[in-house]
């Protein structure tokens, strides 16, 4: 969700012009940013649970926790940025996290 909400932040004018009711237009930019940060935290918890429940190994949880903490830190340190810049950067970070996950899946898939 953080990924799509970030798109909504920096493309809000396009959604408004198309009359598509997205979160930034309905609830505001600040609330959208808070939702993004909350989803990142929940994502970190979910990835940790995968390891705690035995679905993934220690390396997975370590990499995911480092990337989630880094993503949260970026969101907090960039908070003063305008909505469009903040949204673009948070979207970019979500793409990087997706690439990290894809590499891990390919690596894990080859190991099994």
N, C-alpha and C. Protein backbone atom coordinates (compact mmCIF):
# COMPACT_ATOMS: atom_id res chain seq x y z
N UNK A 1 0.81 -1.19 0.00
CA UNK A 1 0.00 0.00 0.00
C UNK A 1 0.86 1.27 0.00
N UNK A 2 1.97 1.22 0.73
CA UNK A 2 2.84 2.40 0.78
C UNK A 2 3.27 2.80 -0.62
N UNK A 3 3.54 1.82 -1.44
CA UNK A 3 3.97 2.04 -2.82
C UNK A 3 2.90 2.85 -3.59
N UNK A 4 1.66 2.42 -3.50
CA UNK A 4 0.58 3.07 -4.25
C UNK A 4 0.17 4.41 -3.66
N UNK A 5 0.22 4.53 -2.35
CA UNK A 5 -0.06 5.82 -1.73
C UNK A 5 1.00 6.85 -2.12
N UNK A 6 2.25 6.41 -2.23
CA UNK A 6 3.32 7.32 -2.65
C UNK A 6 3.07 7.82 -4.08
N UNK A 7 2.63 6.93 -4.95
CA UNK A 7 2.27 7.35 -6.32
C UNK A 7 1.16 8.40 -6.25
N UNK A 8 0.18 8.15 -5.40
CA UNK A 8 -0.93 9.09 -5.25
C UNK A 8 -0.48 10.46 -4.79
N UNK A 9 0.55 10.50 -3.94
CA UNK A 9 1.06 11.79 -3.48
C UNK A 9 1.66 12.61 -4.61
N UNK A 10 2.51 11.98 -5.39
CA UNK A 10 3.20 12.80 -6.39
C UNK A 10 2.43 12.90 -7.72
N UNK A 11 1.38 12.09 -7.89
CA UNK A 11 0.57 12.20 -9.10
C UNK A 11 -0.86 12.66 -8.78
N UNK A 12 -1.03 13.30 -7.64
CA UNK A 12 -2.38 13.67 -7.20
C UNK A 12 -3.13 14.56 -8.18
N UNK A 13 -2.42 15.41 -8.90
CA UNK A 13 -3.09 16.29 -9.86
C UNK A 13 -3.71 15.50 -11.00
N UNK A 14 -3.01 14.45 -11.44
CA UNK A 14 -3.55 13.60 -12.50
C UNK A 14 -4.81 12.88 -12.04
N UNK A 15 -4.77 12.37 -10.80
CA UNK A 15 -5.95 11.68 -10.26
C UNK A 15 -7.11 12.65 -10.07
N UNK A 16 -6.80 13.85 -9.64
CA UNK A 16 -7.86 14.86 -9.46
C UNK A 16 -8.49 15.22 -10.80
N UNK A 17 -7.64 15.38 -11.82
CA UNK A 17 -8.16 15.72 -13.16
C UNK A 17 -9.04 14.60 -13.72
N UNK A 18 -8.72 13.36 -13.37
CA UNK A 18 -9.50 12.22 -13.84
C UNK A 18 -10.66 11.90 -12.90
N UNK A 19 -10.79 12.69 -11.84
CA UNK A 19 -11.85 12.51 -10.85
C UNK A 19 -11.81 11.12 -10.20
N UNK A 20 -10.59 10.67 -9.88
CA UNK A 20 -10.39 9.39 -9.19
C UNK A 20 -10.12 9.69 -7.72
N UNK A 21 -10.98 9.22 -6.84
CA UNK A 21 -10.87 9.56 -5.41
C UNK A 21 -9.80 8.72 -4.69
N UNK A 22 -8.58 9.19 -4.69
CA UNK A 22 -7.49 8.51 -4.00
C UNK A 22 -7.31 9.10 -2.61
N UNK A 23 -6.58 8.39 -1.76
CA UNK A 23 -6.41 8.80 -0.36
C UNK A 23 -5.91 10.24 -0.19
N UNK A 24 -4.85 10.68 -0.90
CA UNK A 24 -4.40 12.06 -0.69
C UNK A 24 -5.48 13.10 -0.99
N UNK A 25 -6.35 12.81 -1.93
CA UNK A 25 -7.41 13.76 -2.27
C UNK A 25 -8.58 13.68 -1.30
N UNK A 26 -8.81 12.50 -0.74
CA UNK A 26 -9.94 12.32 0.17
C UNK A 26 -9.59 12.64 1.62
N UNK A 27 -8.39 12.26 2.05
CA UNK A 27 -8.02 12.40 3.47
C UNK A 27 -6.90 13.41 3.72
N UNK A 28 -6.25 13.86 2.64
CA UNK A 28 -5.19 14.85 2.80
C UNK A 28 -3.79 14.24 2.72
N UNK A 29 -2.83 15.11 2.50
CA UNK A 29 -1.45 14.67 2.30
C UNK A 29 -0.80 14.18 3.59
N UNK A 30 -1.03 14.88 4.68
CA UNK A 30 -0.40 14.48 5.94
C UNK A 30 -0.88 13.10 6.37
N UNK A 31 -2.18 12.86 6.28
CA UNK A 31 -2.72 11.56 6.67
C UNK A 31 -2.18 10.47 5.74
N UNK A 32 -2.04 10.77 4.46
CA UNK A 32 -1.48 9.80 3.52
C UNK A 32 -0.05 9.46 3.90
N UNK A 33 0.73 10.45 4.24
CA UNK A 33 2.12 10.21 4.66
C UNK A 33 2.15 9.33 5.91
N UNK A 34 1.28 9.61 6.87
CA UNK A 34 1.22 8.80 8.09
C UNK A 34 0.82 7.37 7.77
N UNK A 35 -0.11 7.19 6.86
CA UNK A 35 -0.51 5.84 6.44
C UNK A 35 0.66 5.11 5.79
N UNK A 36 1.42 5.81 4.96
CA UNK A 36 2.58 5.20 4.32
C UNK A 36 3.56 4.71 5.39
N UNK A 37 3.85 5.55 6.35
CA UNK A 37 4.78 5.17 7.40
C UNK A 37 4.24 3.99 8.21
N UNK A 38 2.95 4.00 8.49
CA UNK A 38 2.34 2.89 9.24
C UNK A 38 2.43 1.58 8.44
N UNK A 39 2.18 1.64 7.15
CA UNK A 39 2.27 0.44 6.33
C UNK A 39 3.70 -0.09 6.25
N UNK A 40 4.67 0.80 6.24
CA UNK A 40 6.06 0.35 6.23
C UNK A 40 6.37 -0.39 7.54
N UNK A 41 5.91 0.13 8.64
CA UNK A 41 6.12 -0.53 9.93
C UNK A 41 5.42 -1.89 9.95
N UNK A 42 4.18 -1.94 9.47
CA UNK A 42 3.46 -3.22 9.41
C UNK A 42 4.14 -4.20 8.47
N UNK A 43 4.71 -3.70 7.40
CA UNK A 43 5.45 -4.54 6.47
C UNK A 43 6.66 -5.16 7.18
N UNK A 44 7.35 -4.38 7.96
CA UNK A 44 8.49 -4.89 8.72
C UNK A 44 8.06 -5.97 9.70
N UNK A 45 6.93 -5.77 10.35
CA UNK A 45 6.41 -6.77 11.28
C UNK A 45 6.04 -8.05 10.53
N UNK A 46 5.38 -7.91 9.39
CA UNK A 46 4.98 -9.08 8.60
C UNK A 46 6.19 -9.89 8.13
N UNK A 47 7.24 -9.20 7.68
CA UNK A 47 8.42 -9.93 7.21
C UNK A 47 9.12 -10.63 8.38
N UNK A 48 9.07 -10.03 9.54
CA UNK A 48 9.65 -10.67 10.73
C UNK A 48 8.86 -11.92 11.09
N UNK A 49 7.54 -11.84 11.00
CA UNK A 49 6.71 -13.00 11.31
C UNK A 49 6.99 -14.17 10.37
N UNK A 50 7.34 -13.88 9.12
CA UNK A 50 7.67 -14.97 8.20
C UNK A 50 8.82 -15.81 8.73
N UNK A 51 9.79 -15.15 9.31
CA UNK A 51 10.93 -15.89 9.88
C UNK A 51 10.54 -16.55 11.20
N UNK A 52 9.83 -15.84 12.04
CA UNK A 52 9.44 -16.41 13.33
C UNK A 52 8.55 -17.64 13.16
N UNK A 53 7.78 -17.67 12.08
CA UNK A 53 6.90 -18.82 11.83
C UNK A 53 7.58 -19.91 11.00
N UNK A 54 8.85 -19.70 10.67
CA UNK A 54 9.63 -20.73 10.00
C UNK A 54 9.58 -20.76 8.48
N UNK A 55 9.00 -19.73 7.87
CA UNK A 55 8.90 -19.71 6.41
C UNK A 55 10.17 -19.20 5.73
N UNK A 56 10.93 -18.39 6.43
CA UNK A 56 12.15 -17.83 5.86
C UNK A 56 13.28 -17.96 6.89
N UNK A 57 14.48 -17.73 6.42
CA UNK A 57 15.63 -17.86 7.31
C UNK A 57 16.08 -16.55 7.91
N UNK A 58 17.12 -16.66 8.68
CA UNK A 58 17.67 -15.50 9.39
C UNK A 58 18.19 -14.44 8.43
N UNK A 59 18.83 -14.85 7.34
CA UNK A 59 19.36 -13.88 6.38
C UNK A 59 18.23 -13.03 5.80
N UNK A 60 17.11 -13.66 5.48
CA UNK A 60 15.96 -12.93 4.95
C UNK A 60 15.50 -11.85 5.91
N UNK A 61 15.27 -12.24 7.17
CA UNK A 61 14.75 -11.27 8.12
C UNK A 61 15.76 -10.15 8.38
N UNK A 62 17.03 -10.47 8.41
CA UNK A 62 18.04 -9.43 8.62
C UNK A 62 18.04 -8.42 7.48
N UNK A 63 18.02 -8.92 6.25
CA UNK A 63 18.01 -8.01 5.10
C UNK A 63 16.73 -7.18 5.07
N UNK A 64 15.60 -7.82 5.33
CA UNK A 64 14.33 -7.09 5.29
C UNK A 64 14.23 -6.07 6.41
N UNK A 65 14.73 -6.40 7.58
CA UNK A 65 14.67 -5.44 8.68
C UNK A 65 15.58 -4.25 8.41
N UNK A 66 16.76 -4.51 7.85
CA UNK A 66 17.66 -3.41 7.51
C UNK A 66 17.01 -2.50 6.47
N UNK A 67 16.40 -3.09 5.45
CA UNK A 67 15.78 -2.25 4.42
C UNK A 67 14.55 -1.52 4.94
N UNK A 68 13.75 -2.17 5.80
CA UNK A 68 12.58 -1.49 6.36
C UNK A 68 12.99 -0.34 7.28
N UNK A 69 13.99 -0.58 8.12
CA UNK A 69 14.46 0.49 9.01
C UNK A 69 15.03 1.64 8.19
N UNK A 70 15.76 1.32 7.14
CA UNK A 70 16.31 2.35 6.25
C UNK A 70 15.18 3.14 5.59
N UNK A 71 14.13 2.44 5.15
CA UNK A 71 12.99 3.08 4.50
C UNK A 71 12.26 3.99 5.48
N UNK A 72 12.06 3.54 6.69
CA UNK A 72 11.42 4.37 7.72
C UNK A 72 12.28 5.60 8.01
N UNK A 73 13.56 5.37 8.15
CA UNK A 73 14.48 6.49 8.43
C UNK A 73 14.43 7.54 7.31
N UNK A 74 14.41 7.07 6.07
CA UNK A 74 14.31 8.01 4.94
C UNK A 74 13.00 8.79 5.00
N UNK A 75 11.91 8.11 5.29
CA UNK A 75 10.62 8.78 5.39
C UNK A 75 10.61 9.87 6.45
N UNK A 76 11.22 9.58 7.58
CA UNK A 76 11.27 10.55 8.68
C UNK A 76 12.20 11.72 8.34
N UNK A 77 13.40 11.40 7.84
CA UNK A 77 14.36 12.48 7.56
C UNK A 77 13.92 13.36 6.40
N UNK A 78 13.15 12.81 5.49
CA UNK A 78 12.67 13.59 4.35
C UNK A 78 11.32 14.25 4.60
N UNK A 79 10.77 14.05 5.78
CA UNK A 79 9.42 14.55 6.09
C UNK A 79 9.24 16.03 5.73
N UNK A 80 10.22 16.90 5.94
CA UNK A 80 10.02 18.32 5.60
C UNK A 80 9.87 18.59 4.10
N UNK A 81 10.23 17.63 3.25
CA UNK A 81 10.10 17.82 1.80
C UNK A 81 8.64 18.05 1.42
N UNK A 82 8.42 18.69 0.28
CA UNK A 82 7.06 18.87 -0.20
C UNK A 82 6.47 17.50 -0.56
N UNK A 83 5.16 17.44 -0.68
CA UNK A 83 4.46 16.17 -0.90
C UNK A 83 4.89 15.45 -2.16
N UNK A 84 5.10 16.18 -3.23
CA UNK A 84 5.48 15.56 -4.49
C UNK A 84 6.88 14.94 -4.38
N UNK A 85 7.84 15.68 -3.86
CA UNK A 85 9.20 15.17 -3.71
C UNK A 85 9.22 13.99 -2.75
N UNK A 86 8.55 14.12 -1.61
CA UNK A 86 8.52 13.05 -0.62
C UNK A 86 7.89 11.80 -1.24
N UNK A 87 6.78 11.96 -1.94
CA UNK A 87 6.10 10.83 -2.57
C UNK A 87 6.98 10.13 -3.59
N UNK A 88 7.67 10.92 -4.43
CA UNK A 88 8.56 10.33 -5.44
C UNK A 88 9.68 9.54 -4.79
N UNK A 89 10.27 10.11 -3.75
CA UNK A 89 11.38 9.42 -3.09
C UNK A 89 10.91 8.16 -2.38
N UNK A 90 9.78 8.22 -1.70
CA UNK A 90 9.26 7.04 -1.02
C UNK A 90 8.86 5.96 -2.03
N UNK A 91 8.35 6.35 -3.16
CA UNK A 91 8.03 5.40 -4.23
C UNK A 91 9.32 4.74 -4.73
N UNK A 92 10.35 5.53 -4.93
CA UNK A 92 11.64 5.00 -5.37
C UNK A 92 12.20 4.00 -4.38
N UNK A 93 12.07 4.29 -3.09
CA UNK A 93 12.57 3.36 -2.08
C UNK A 93 11.76 2.07 -2.09
N UNK A 94 10.45 2.18 -2.35
CA UNK A 94 9.64 0.96 -2.41
C UNK A 94 10.05 0.10 -3.60
N UNK A 95 10.43 0.73 -4.70
CA UNK A 95 10.92 -0.03 -5.86
C UNK A 95 12.23 -0.75 -5.53
N UNK A 96 13.11 -0.07 -4.82
CA UNK A 96 14.38 -0.70 -4.43
C UNK A 96 14.12 -1.90 -3.52
N UNK A 97 13.17 -1.78 -2.62
CA UNK A 97 12.83 -2.89 -1.73
C UNK A 97 12.28 -4.06 -2.53
N UNK A 98 11.50 -3.77 -3.56
CA UNK A 98 10.97 -4.82 -4.43
C UNK A 98 12.10 -5.55 -5.15
N UNK A 99 13.09 -4.81 -5.60
CA UNK A 99 14.25 -5.43 -6.27
C UNK A 99 15.01 -6.32 -5.30
N UNK A 100 15.20 -5.85 -4.08
CA UNK A 100 15.88 -6.66 -3.06
C UNK A 100 15.12 -7.97 -2.83
N UNK A 101 13.80 -7.87 -2.73
CA UNK A 101 12.98 -9.07 -2.53
C UNK A 101 13.09 -10.01 -3.72
N UNK A 102 13.05 -9.48 -4.93
CA UNK A 102 13.14 -10.32 -6.12
C UNK A 102 14.47 -11.07 -6.17
N UNK A 103 15.54 -10.38 -5.84
CA UNK A 103 16.87 -11.03 -5.83
C UNK A 103 16.89 -12.14 -4.78
N UNK A 104 16.30 -11.88 -3.61
CA UNK A 104 16.28 -12.91 -2.57
C UNK A 104 15.44 -14.11 -3.01
N UNK A 105 14.32 -13.87 -3.68
CA UNK A 105 13.47 -14.98 -4.14
C UNK A 105 14.19 -15.83 -5.18
N UNK A 106 14.89 -15.18 -6.09
CA UNK A 106 15.65 -15.92 -7.10
C UNK A 106 16.74 -16.74 -6.41
N UNK A 107 17.42 -16.13 -5.47
CA UNK A 107 18.49 -16.82 -4.73
C UNK A 107 17.94 -17.99 -3.94
N UNK A 108 16.84 -17.78 -3.25
CA UNK A 108 16.21 -18.84 -2.45
C UNK A 108 15.69 -19.94 -3.38
N UNK A 109 15.08 -19.54 -4.49
CA UNK A 109 14.55 -20.51 -5.45
C UNK A 109 15.63 -21.42 -6.00
N UNK A 110 16.81 -20.90 -6.24
CA UNK A 110 17.93 -21.72 -6.73
C UNK A 110 18.49 -22.64 -5.66
N UNK A 111 18.36 -22.20 -4.40
CA UNK A 111 18.91 -22.99 -3.29
C UNK A 111 18.06 -24.24 -3.01
N UNK A 112 16.79 -24.18 -3.34
CA UNK A 112 15.90 -25.31 -3.06
C UNK A 112 15.82 -26.21 -4.22
